[in-house]
Full PDB file with SEQRES, HELIX, SHEET, SSBOND, CRYST1, ORIGX, SCALE, CONECT and MASTER records, all heavy atoms in Angstrom:
SEQRES   1 A   35  LEU LEU LYS GLY ALA ALA LEU GLN THR LEU GLN THR VAL          
SEQRES   2 A   35  GLY MET ILE VAL TRP ILE GLY ILE GLY ALA SER ALA LEU          
SEQRES   3 A   35  VAL GLY VAL PHE ASN LEU MET GLY GLY                          
HELIX    1 AA1 LEU A    2  LEU A   32  1                                  31    
CRYST1    1.000    1.000    1.000  90.00  90.00  90.00 P 1           1          
ORIGX1      1.000000  0.000000  0.000000        0.00000                         
ORIGX2      0.000000  1.000000  0.000000        0.00000                         
ORIGX3      0.000000  0.000000  1.000000        0.00000                         
SCALE1      1.000000  0.000000  0.000000        0.00000                         
SCALE2      0.000000  1.000000  0.000000        0.00000                         
SCALE3      0.000000  0.000000  1.000000        0.00000                         
ATOM      1  N   LEU A   1     -29.780  53.853  12.880  1.00  0.00           N  
ATOM      2  CA  LEU A   1     -30.779  53.133  13.703  1.00  0.00           C  
ATOM      3  C   LEU A   1     -32.187  53.490  13.245  1.00  0.00           C  
ATOM      4  O   LEU A   1     -33.036  52.617  13.040  1.00  0.00           O  
ATOM      5  CB  LEU A   1     -30.587  53.474  15.183  1.00  0.00           C  
ATOM      6  CG  LEU A   1     -31.572  52.843  16.185  1.00  0.00           C  
ATOM      7  CD1 LEU A   1     -30.854  52.429  17.458  1.00  0.00           C  
ATOM      8  CD2 LEU A   1     -32.729  53.768  16.543  1.00  0.00           C  
ATOM      9  N   LEU A   2     -32.426  54.789  13.039  1.00  0.00           N  
ATOM     10  CA  LEU A   2     -33.755  55.268  12.637  1.00  0.00           C  
ATOM     11  C   LEU A   2     -34.114  54.764  11.234  1.00  0.00           C  
ATOM     12  O   LEU A   2     -35.253  54.335  10.990  1.00  0.00           O  
ATOM     13  CB  LEU A   2     -33.778  56.798  12.668  1.00  0.00           C  
ATOM     14  CG  LEU A   2     -35.158  57.462  12.578  1.00  0.00           C  
ATOM     15  CD1 LEU A   2     -36.054  57.013  13.713  1.00  0.00           C  
ATOM     16  CD2 LEU A   2     -35.008  58.981  12.600  1.00  0.00           C  
ATOM     17  N   LYS A   3     -33.129  54.783  10.337  1.00  0.00           N  
ATOM     18  CA  LYS A   3     -33.373  54.330   8.958  1.00  0.00           C  
ATOM     19  C   LYS A   3     -33.706  52.832   8.935  1.00  0.00           C  
ATOM     20  O   LYS A   3     -34.656  52.399   8.276  1.00  0.00           O  
ATOM     21  CB  LYS A   3     -32.131  54.605   8.098  1.00  0.00           C  
ATOM     22  CG  LYS A   3     -32.330  54.247   6.630  1.00  0.00           C  
ATOM     23  CD  LYS A   3     -31.055  54.467   5.833  1.00  0.00           C  
ATOM     24  CE  LYS A   3     -31.231  53.971   4.398  1.00  0.00           C  
ATOM     25  NZ  LYS A   3     -29.987  54.060   3.621  1.00  0.00           N  
ATOM     26  N   GLY A   4     -32.921  52.044   9.677  1.00  0.00           N  
ATOM     27  CA  GLY A   4     -33.158  50.592   9.741  1.00  0.00           C  
ATOM     28  C   GLY A   4     -34.529  50.272  10.313  1.00  0.00           C  
ATOM     29  O   GLY A   4     -35.254  49.409   9.803  1.00  0.00           O  
ATOM     30  N   ALA A   5     -34.902  50.990  11.400  1.00  0.00           N  
ATOM     31  CA  ALA A   5     -36.205  50.783  12.035  1.00  0.00           C  
ATOM     32  C   ALA A   5     -37.343  51.172  11.092  1.00  0.00           C  
ATOM     33  O   ALA A   5     -38.363  50.479  11.006  1.00  0.00           O  
ATOM     34  CB  ALA A   5     -36.291  51.585  13.328  1.00  0.00           C  
ATOM     35  N   ALA A   6     -37.153  52.287  10.345  1.00  0.00           N  
ATOM     36  CA  ALA A   6     -38.183  52.764   9.409  1.00  0.00           C  
ATOM     37  C   ALA A   6     -38.387  51.767   8.267  1.00  0.00           C  
ATOM     38  O   ALA A   6     -39.524  51.476   7.879  1.00  0.00           O  
ATOM     39  CB  ALA A   6     -37.798  54.130   8.858  1.00  0.00           C  
ATOM     40  N   LEU A   7     -37.292  51.207   7.750  1.00  0.00           N  
ATOM     41  CA  LEU A   7     -37.399  50.231   6.657  1.00  0.00           C  
ATOM     42  C   LEU A   7     -38.069  48.942   7.127  1.00  0.00           C  
ATOM     43  O   LEU A   7     -38.890  48.358   6.407  1.00  0.00           O  
ATOM     44  CB  LEU A   7     -36.001  49.923   6.079  1.00  0.00           C  
ATOM     45  CG  LEU A   7     -35.380  51.022   5.224  1.00  0.00           C  
ATOM     46  CD1 LEU A   7     -33.934  50.698   4.895  1.00  0.00           C  
ATOM     47  CD2 LEU A   7     -36.181  51.227   3.935  1.00  0.00           C  
ATOM     48  N   GLN A   8     -37.723  48.509   8.343  1.00  0.00           N  
ATOM     49  CA  GLN A   8     -38.352  47.312   8.907  1.00  0.00           C  
ATOM     50  C   GLN A   8     -39.861  47.543   9.097  1.00  0.00           C  
ATOM     51  O   GLN A   8     -40.679  46.665   8.819  1.00  0.00           O  
ATOM     52  CB  GLN A   8     -37.706  46.959  10.248  1.00  0.00           C  
ATOM     53  CG  GLN A   8     -38.198  45.639  10.827  1.00  0.00           C  
ATOM     54  CD  GLN A   8     -37.573  45.333  12.193  1.00  0.00           C  
ATOM     55  OE1 GLN A   8     -36.442  45.751  12.472  1.00  0.00           O  
ATOM     56  NE2 GLN A   8     -38.296  44.624  13.027  1.00  0.00           N  
ATOM     57  N   THR A   9     -40.212  48.751   9.552  1.00  0.00           N  
ATOM     58  CA  THR A   9     -41.627  49.106   9.746  1.00  0.00           C  
ATOM     59  C   THR A   9     -42.367  49.102   8.417  1.00  0.00           C  
ATOM     60  O   THR A   9     -43.480  48.571   8.311  1.00  0.00           O  
ATOM     61  CB  THR A   9     -41.739  50.511  10.396  1.00  0.00           C  
ATOM     62  OG1 THR A   9     -41.006  50.509  11.612  1.00  0.00           O  
ATOM     63  CG2 THR A   9     -43.177  50.886  10.674  1.00  0.00           C  
ATOM     64  N   LEU A  10     -41.731  49.676   7.401  1.00  0.00           N  
ATOM     65  CA  LEU A  10     -42.342  49.727   6.065  1.00  0.00           C  
ATOM     66  C   LEU A  10     -42.627  48.323   5.538  1.00  0.00           C  
ATOM     67  O   LEU A  10     -43.699  48.051   4.991  1.00  0.00           O  
ATOM     68  CB  LEU A  10     -41.387  50.458   5.108  1.00  0.00           C  
ATOM     69  CG  LEU A  10     -41.946  50.920   3.767  1.00  0.00           C  
ATOM     70  CD1 LEU A  10     -43.037  51.963   3.959  1.00  0.00           C  
ATOM     71  CD2 LEU A  10     -40.840  51.497   2.901  1.00  0.00           C  
ATOM     72  N   GLN A  11     -41.672  47.427   5.759  1.00  0.00           N  
ATOM     73  CA  GLN A  11     -41.808  46.042   5.283  1.00  0.00           C  
ATOM     74  C   GLN A  11     -42.965  45.339   6.007  1.00  0.00           C  
ATOM     75  O   GLN A  11     -43.827  44.713   5.378  1.00  0.00           O  
ATOM     76  CB  GLN A  11     -40.495  45.306   5.548  1.00  0.00           C  
ATOM     77  CG  GLN A  11     -40.391  43.971   4.846  1.00  0.00           C  
ATOM     78  CD  GLN A  11     -39.018  43.340   5.056  1.00  0.00           C  
ATOM     79  OE1 GLN A  11     -38.293  43.691   5.994  1.00  0.00           O  
ATOM     80  NE2 GLN A  11     -38.644  42.424   4.206  1.00  0.00           N  
ATOM     81  N   THR A  12     -42.996  45.458   7.350  1.00  0.00           N  
ATOM     82  CA  THR A  12     -44.027  44.774   8.148  1.00  0.00           C  
ATOM     83  C   THR A  12     -45.408  45.338   7.866  1.00  0.00           C  
ATOM     84  O   THR A  12     -46.366  44.601   7.628  1.00  0.00           O  
ATOM     85  CB  THR A  12     -43.710  44.915   9.660  1.00  0.00           C  
ATOM     86  OG1 THR A  12     -42.390  44.447   9.904  1.00  0.00           O  
ATOM     87  CG2 THR A  12     -44.685  44.110  10.498  1.00  0.00           C  
ATOM     88  N   VAL A  13     -45.534  46.668   7.888  1.00  0.00           N  
ATOM     89  CA  VAL A  13     -46.843  47.302   7.696  1.00  0.00           C  
ATOM     90  C   VAL A  13     -47.316  47.121   6.254  1.00  0.00           C  
ATOM     91  O   VAL A  13     -48.510  46.943   6.008  1.00  0.00           O  
ATOM     92  CB  VAL A  13     -46.793  48.799   8.085  1.00  0.00           C  
ATOM     93  CG1 VAL A  13     -48.136  49.473   7.847  1.00  0.00           C  
ATOM     94  CG2 VAL A  13     -46.418  48.949   9.542  1.00  0.00           C  
ATOM     95  N   GLY A  14     -46.375  47.137   5.318  1.00  0.00           N  
ATOM     96  CA  GLY A  14     -46.734  46.870   3.923  1.00  0.00           C  
ATOM     97  C   GLY A  14     -47.407  45.516   3.785  1.00  0.00           C  
ATOM     98  O   GLY A  14     -48.429  45.380   3.100  1.00  0.00           O  
ATOM     99  N   MET A  15     -46.851  44.516   4.471  1.00  0.00           N  
ATOM    100  CA  MET A  15     -47.430  43.168   4.444  1.00  0.00           C  
ATOM    101  C   MET A  15     -48.839  43.177   5.036  1.00  0.00           C  
ATOM    102  O   MET A  15     -49.778  42.623   4.463  1.00  0.00           O  
ATOM    103  CB  MET A  15     -46.509  42.218   5.227  1.00  0.00           C  
ATOM    104  CG  MET A  15     -46.988  40.784   5.307  1.00  0.00           C  
ATOM    105  SD  MET A  15     -47.959  40.443   6.795  1.00  0.00           S  
ATOM    106  CE  MET A  15     -46.725  40.585   8.083  1.00  0.00           C  
ATOM    107  N   ILE A  16     -49.000  43.863   6.195  1.00  0.00           N  
ATOM    108  CA  ILE A  16     -50.309  43.908   6.864  1.00  0.00           C  
ATOM    109  C   ILE A  16     -51.342  44.611   5.974  1.00  0.00           C  
ATOM    110  O   ILE A  16     -52.477  44.141   5.819  1.00  0.00           O  
ATOM    111  CB  ILE A  16     -50.202  44.615   8.235  1.00  0.00           C  
ATOM    112  CG1 ILE A  16     -49.365  43.774   9.211  1.00  0.00           C  
ATOM    113  CG2 ILE A  16     -51.590  44.889   8.835  1.00  0.00           C  
ATOM    114  CD1 ILE A  16     -49.064  44.455  10.540  1.00  0.00           C  
ATOM    115  N   VAL A  17     -50.945  45.735   5.356  1.00  0.00           N  
ATOM    116  CA  VAL A  17     -51.876  46.501   4.510  1.00  0.00           C  
ATOM    117  C   VAL A  17     -52.290  45.699   3.283  1.00  0.00           C  
ATOM    118  O   VAL A  17     -53.467  45.644   2.929  1.00  0.00           O  
ATOM    119  CB  VAL A  17     -51.260  47.861   4.090  1.00  0.00           C  
ATOM    120  CG1 VAL A  17     -52.122  48.547   3.040  1.00  0.00           C  
ATOM    121  CG2 VAL A  17     -51.112  48.771   5.297  1.00  0.00           C  
ATOM    122  N   TRP A  18     -51.312  45.025   2.642  1.00  0.00           N  
ATOM    123  CA  TRP A  18     -51.651  44.239   1.452  1.00  0.00           C  
ATOM    124  C   TRP A  18     -52.589  43.081   1.790  1.00  0.00           C  
ATOM    125  O   TRP A  18     -53.521  42.782   1.033  1.00  0.00           O  
ATOM    126  CB  TRP A  18     -50.383  43.718   0.768  1.00  0.00           C  
ATOM    127  CG  TRP A  18     -49.864  44.680  -0.256  1.00  0.00           C  
ATOM    128  CD1 TRP A  18     -48.714  45.416  -0.183  1.00  0.00           C  
ATOM    129  CD2 TRP A  18     -50.486  45.050  -1.486  1.00  0.00           C  
ATOM    130  NE1 TRP A  18     -48.594  46.215  -1.294  1.00  0.00           N  
ATOM    131  CE2 TRP A  18     -49.659  46.013  -2.118  1.00  0.00           C  
ATOM    132  CE3 TRP A  18     -51.670  44.665  -2.124  1.00  0.00           C  
ATOM    133  CZ2 TRP A  18     -49.978  46.584  -3.342  1.00  0.00           C  
ATOM    134  CZ3 TRP A  18     -51.989  45.237  -3.346  1.00  0.00           C  
ATOM    135  CH2 TRP A  18     -51.148  46.182  -3.943  1.00  0.00           C  
ATOM    136  N   ILE A  19     -52.337  42.421   2.929  1.00  0.00           N  
ATOM    137  CA  ILE A  19     -53.249  41.342   3.349  1.00  0.00           C  
ATOM    138  C   ILE A  19     -54.628  41.937   3.632  1.00  0.00           C  
ATOM    139  O   ILE A  19     -55.660  41.355   3.282  1.00  0.00           O  
ATOM    140  CB  ILE A  19     -52.702  40.594   4.589  1.00  0.00           C  
ATOM    141  CG1 ILE A  19     -51.455  39.788   4.226  1.00  0.00           C  
ATOM    142  CG2 ILE A  19     -53.768  39.646   5.167  1.00  0.00           C  
ATOM    143  CD1 ILE A  19     -50.759  39.123   5.385  1.00  0.00           C  
ATOM    144  N   GLY A  20     -54.647  43.129   4.242  1.00  0.00           N  
ATOM    145  CA  GLY A  20     -55.913  43.809   4.529  1.00  0.00           C  
ATOM    146  C   GLY A  20     -56.683  44.133   3.267  1.00  0.00           C  
ATOM    147  O   GLY A  20     -57.905  43.937   3.194  1.00  0.00           O  
ATOM    148  N   ILE A  21     -55.969  44.625   2.249  1.00  0.00           N  
ATOM    149  CA  ILE A  21     -56.609  44.963   0.971  1.00  0.00           C  
ATOM    150  C   ILE A  21     -57.214  43.701   0.337  1.00  0.00           C  
ATOM    151  O   ILE A  21     -58.376  43.683  -0.073  1.00  0.00           O  
ATOM    152  CB  ILE A  21     -55.584  45.621   0.019  1.00  0.00           C  
ATOM    153  CG1 ILE A  21     -55.231  47.029   0.521  1.00  0.00           C  
ATOM    154  CG2 ILE A  21     -56.109  45.676  -1.413  1.00  0.00           C  
ATOM    155  CD1 ILE A  21     -54.052  47.668  -0.197  1.00  0.00           C  
ATOM    156  N   GLY A  22     -56.394  42.634   0.280  1.00  0.00           N  
ATOM    157  CA  GLY A  22     -56.858  41.382  -0.327  1.00  0.00           C  
ATOM    158  C   GLY A  22     -58.030  40.776   0.422  1.00  0.00           C  
ATOM    159  O   GLY A  22     -59.037  40.370  -0.183  1.00  0.00           O  
ATOM    160  N   ALA A  23     -57.918  40.728   1.761  1.00  0.00           N  
ATOM    161  CA  ALA A  23     -58.977  40.118   2.580  1.00  0.00           C  
ATOM    162  C   ALA A  23     -60.263  40.938   2.506  1.00  0.00           C  
ATOM    163  O   ALA A  23     -61.359  40.374   2.430  1.00  0.00           O  
ATOM    164  CB  ALA A  23     -58.509  39.991   4.019  1.00  0.00           C  
ATOM    165  N   SER A  24     -60.149  42.278   2.537  1.00  0.00           N  
ATOM    166  CA  SER A  24     -61.338  43.141   2.438  1.00  0.00           C  
ATOM    167  C   SER A  24     -62.069  42.911   1.118  1.00  0.00           C  
ATOM    168  O   SER A  24     -63.299  42.816   1.082  1.00  0.00           O  
ATOM    169  CB  SER A  24     -60.950  44.617   2.540  1.00  0.00           C  
ATOM    170  OG  SER A  24     -60.396  44.903   3.789  1.00  0.00           O  
ATOM    171  N   ALA A  25     -61.296  42.824   0.050  1.00  0.00           N  
ATOM    172  CA  ALA A  25     -61.894  42.591  -1.278  1.00  0.00           C  
ATOM    173  C   ALA A  25     -62.574  41.224  -1.335  1.00  0.00           C  
ATOM    174  O   ALA A  25     -63.712  41.101  -1.805  1.00  0.00           O  
ATOM    175  CB  ALA A  25     -60.812  42.688  -2.353  1.00  0.00           C  
ATOM    176  N   LEU A  26     -61.886  40.207  -0.812  1.00  0.00           N  
ATOM    177  CA  LEU A  26     -62.434  38.843  -0.852  1.00  0.00           C  
ATOM    178  C   LEU A  26     -63.721  38.727  -0.038  1.00  0.00           C  
ATOM    179  O   LEU A  26     -64.719  38.177  -0.511  1.00  0.00           O  
ATOM    180  CB  LEU A  26     -61.389  37.845  -0.332  1.00  0.00           C  
ATOM    181  CG  LEU A  26     -61.778  36.368  -0.439  1.00  0.00           C  
ATOM    182  CD1 LEU A  26     -61.811  35.925  -1.889  1.00  0.00           C  
ATOM    183  CD2 LEU A  26     -60.821  35.484   0.347  1.00  0.00           C  
ATOM    184  N   VAL A  27     -63.697  39.270   1.188  1.00  0.00           N  
ATOM    185  CA  VAL A  27     -64.887  39.203   2.050  1.00  0.00           C  
ATOM    186  C   VAL A  27     -66.035  40.006   1.441  1.00  0.00           C  
ATOM    187  O   VAL A  27     -67.198  39.598   1.509  1.00  0.00           O  
ATOM    188  CB  VAL A  27     -64.550  39.704   3.484  1.00  0.00           C  
ATOM    189  CG1 VAL A  27     -65.816  39.852   4.322  1.00  0.00           C  
ATOM    190  CG2 VAL A  27     -63.589  38.741   4.168  1.00  0.00           C  
ATOM    191  N   GLY A  28     -65.712  41.144   0.781  1.00  0.00           N  
ATOM    192  CA  GLY A  28     -66.742  41.949   0.122  1.00  0.00           C  
ATOM    193  C   GLY A  28     -67.454  41.176  -0.976  1.00  0.00           C  
ATOM    194  O   GLY A  28     -68.692  41.158  -1.035  1.00  0.00           O  
ATOM    195  N   VAL A  29     -66.674  40.495  -1.840  1.00  0.00           N  
ATOM    196  CA  VAL A  29     -67.260  39.690  -2.928  1.00  0.00           C  
ATOM    197  C   VAL A  29     -68.029  38.506  -2.341  1.00  0.00           C  
ATOM    198  O   VAL A  29     -69.132  38.169  -2.792  1.00  0.00           O  
ATOM    199  CB  VAL A  29     -66.150  39.199  -3.891  1.00  0.00           C  
ATOM    200  CG1 VAL A  29     -66.723  38.282  -4.965  1.00  0.00           C  
ATOM    201  CG2 VAL A  29     -65.451  40.378  -4.542  1.00  0.00           C  
ATOM    202  N   PHE A  30     -67.455  37.886  -1.323  1.00  0.00           N  
ATOM    203  CA  PHE A  30     -68.081  36.737  -0.641  1.00  0.00           C  
ATOM    204  C   PHE A  30     -69.461  37.126  -0.103  1.00  0.00           C  
ATOM    205  O   PHE A  30     -70.438  36.389  -0.252  1.00  0.00           O  
ATOM    206  CB  PHE A  30     -67.146  36.299   0.498  1.00  0.00           C  
ATOM    207  CG  PHE A  30     -67.566  35.034   1.193  1.00  0.00           C  
ATOM    208  CD1 PHE A  30     -67.421  33.802   0.576  1.00  0.00           C  
ATOM    209  CD2 PHE A  30     -68.088  35.079   2.477  1.00  0.00           C  
ATOM    210  CE1 PHE A  30     -67.795  32.632   1.230  1.00  0.00           C  
ATOM    211  CE2 PHE A  30     -68.467  33.914   3.132  1.00  0.00           C  
ATOM    212  CZ  PHE A  30     -68.311  32.692   2.507  1.00  0.00           C  
ATOM    213  N   ASN A  31     -69.548  38.304   0.503  1.00  0.00           N  
ATOM    214  CA  ASN A  31     -70.826  38.794   1.045  1.00  0.00           C  
ATOM    215  C   ASN A  31     -71.835  39.071  -0.076  1.00  0.00           C  
ATOM    216  O   ASN A  31     -73.013  38.743   0.044  1.00  0.00           O  
ATOM    217  CB  ASN A  31     -70.622  40.075   1.856  1.00  0.00           C  
ATOM    218  CG  ASN A  31     -69.881  39.830   3.145  1.00  0.00           C  
ATOM    219  OD1 ASN A  31     -69.626  38.682   3.505  1.00  0.00           O  
ATOM    220  ND2 ASN A  31     -69.512  40.882   3.846  1.00  0.00           N  
ATOM    221  N   LEU A  32     -71.351  39.705  -1.169  1.00  0.00           N  
ATOM    222  CA  LEU A  32     -72.236  40.013  -2.302  1.00  0.00           C  
ATOM    223  C   LEU A  32     -72.829  38.746  -2.915  1.00  0.00           C  
ATOM    224  O   LEU A  32     -73.966  38.737  -3.382  1.00  0.00           O  
ATOM    225  CB  LEU A  32     -71.463  40.779  -3.382  1.00  0.00           C  
ATOM    226  CG  LEU A  32     -71.217  42.283  -3.137  1.00  0.00           C  
ATOM    227  CD1 LEU A  32     -70.299  42.835  -4.211  1.00  0.00           C  
ATOM    228  CD2 LEU A  32     -72.535  43.058  -3.132  1.00  0.00           C  
ATOM    229  N   MET A  33     -72.052  37.670  -2.891  1.00  0.00           N  
ATOM    230  CA  MET A  33     -72.511  36.397  -3.457  1.00  0.00           C  
ATOM    231  C   MET A  33     -73.428  35.634  -2.503  1.00  0.00           C  
ATOM    232  O   MET A  33     -73.884  34.534  -2.829  1.00  0.00           O  
ATOM    233  CB  MET A  33     -71.294  35.528  -3.816  1.00  0.00           C  
ATOM    234  CG  MET A  33     -70.492  36.062  -4.991  1.00  0.00           C  
ATOM    235  SD  MET A  33     -68.889  35.226  -5.169  1.00  0.00           S  
ATOM    236  CE  MET A  33     -69.402  33.577  -5.578  1.00  0.00           C  
ATOM    237  N   GLY A  34     -73.648  36.207  -1.302  1.00  0.00           N  
ATOM    238  CA  GLY A  34     -74.512  35.536  -0.328  1.00  0.00           C  
ATOM    239  C   GLY A  34     -73.769  34.555   0.556  1.00  0.00           C  
ATOM    240  O   GLY A  34     -74.376  33.741   1.254  1.00  0.00           O  
ATOM    241  N   GLY A  35     -72.454  34.635   0.520  1.00  0.00           N  
ATOM    242  CA  GLY A  35     -71.637  33.689   1.289  1.00  0.00           C  
ATOM    243  C   GLY A  35     -71.821  33.807   2.784  1.00  0.00           C  
ATOM    244  O   GLY A  35     -71.804  32.800   3.501  1.00  0.00           O  
TER     245      GLY A  35                                                      
MASTER        0    0    0    1    0    0    0    6  244    1    0    3          
END                                                                             
C-alpha cells in the first residue's frame, strides 16, 4: 500500500514540478522581453 501510494505521489508531483520548471522559465523570459 505504501509503495503504491509513494509511486503515485512521485508521478503526480513530478508532473507538477516539471510544469512549474517550464512555466517559471517561460514567464521569466517573457518578463525579460517586456511581455
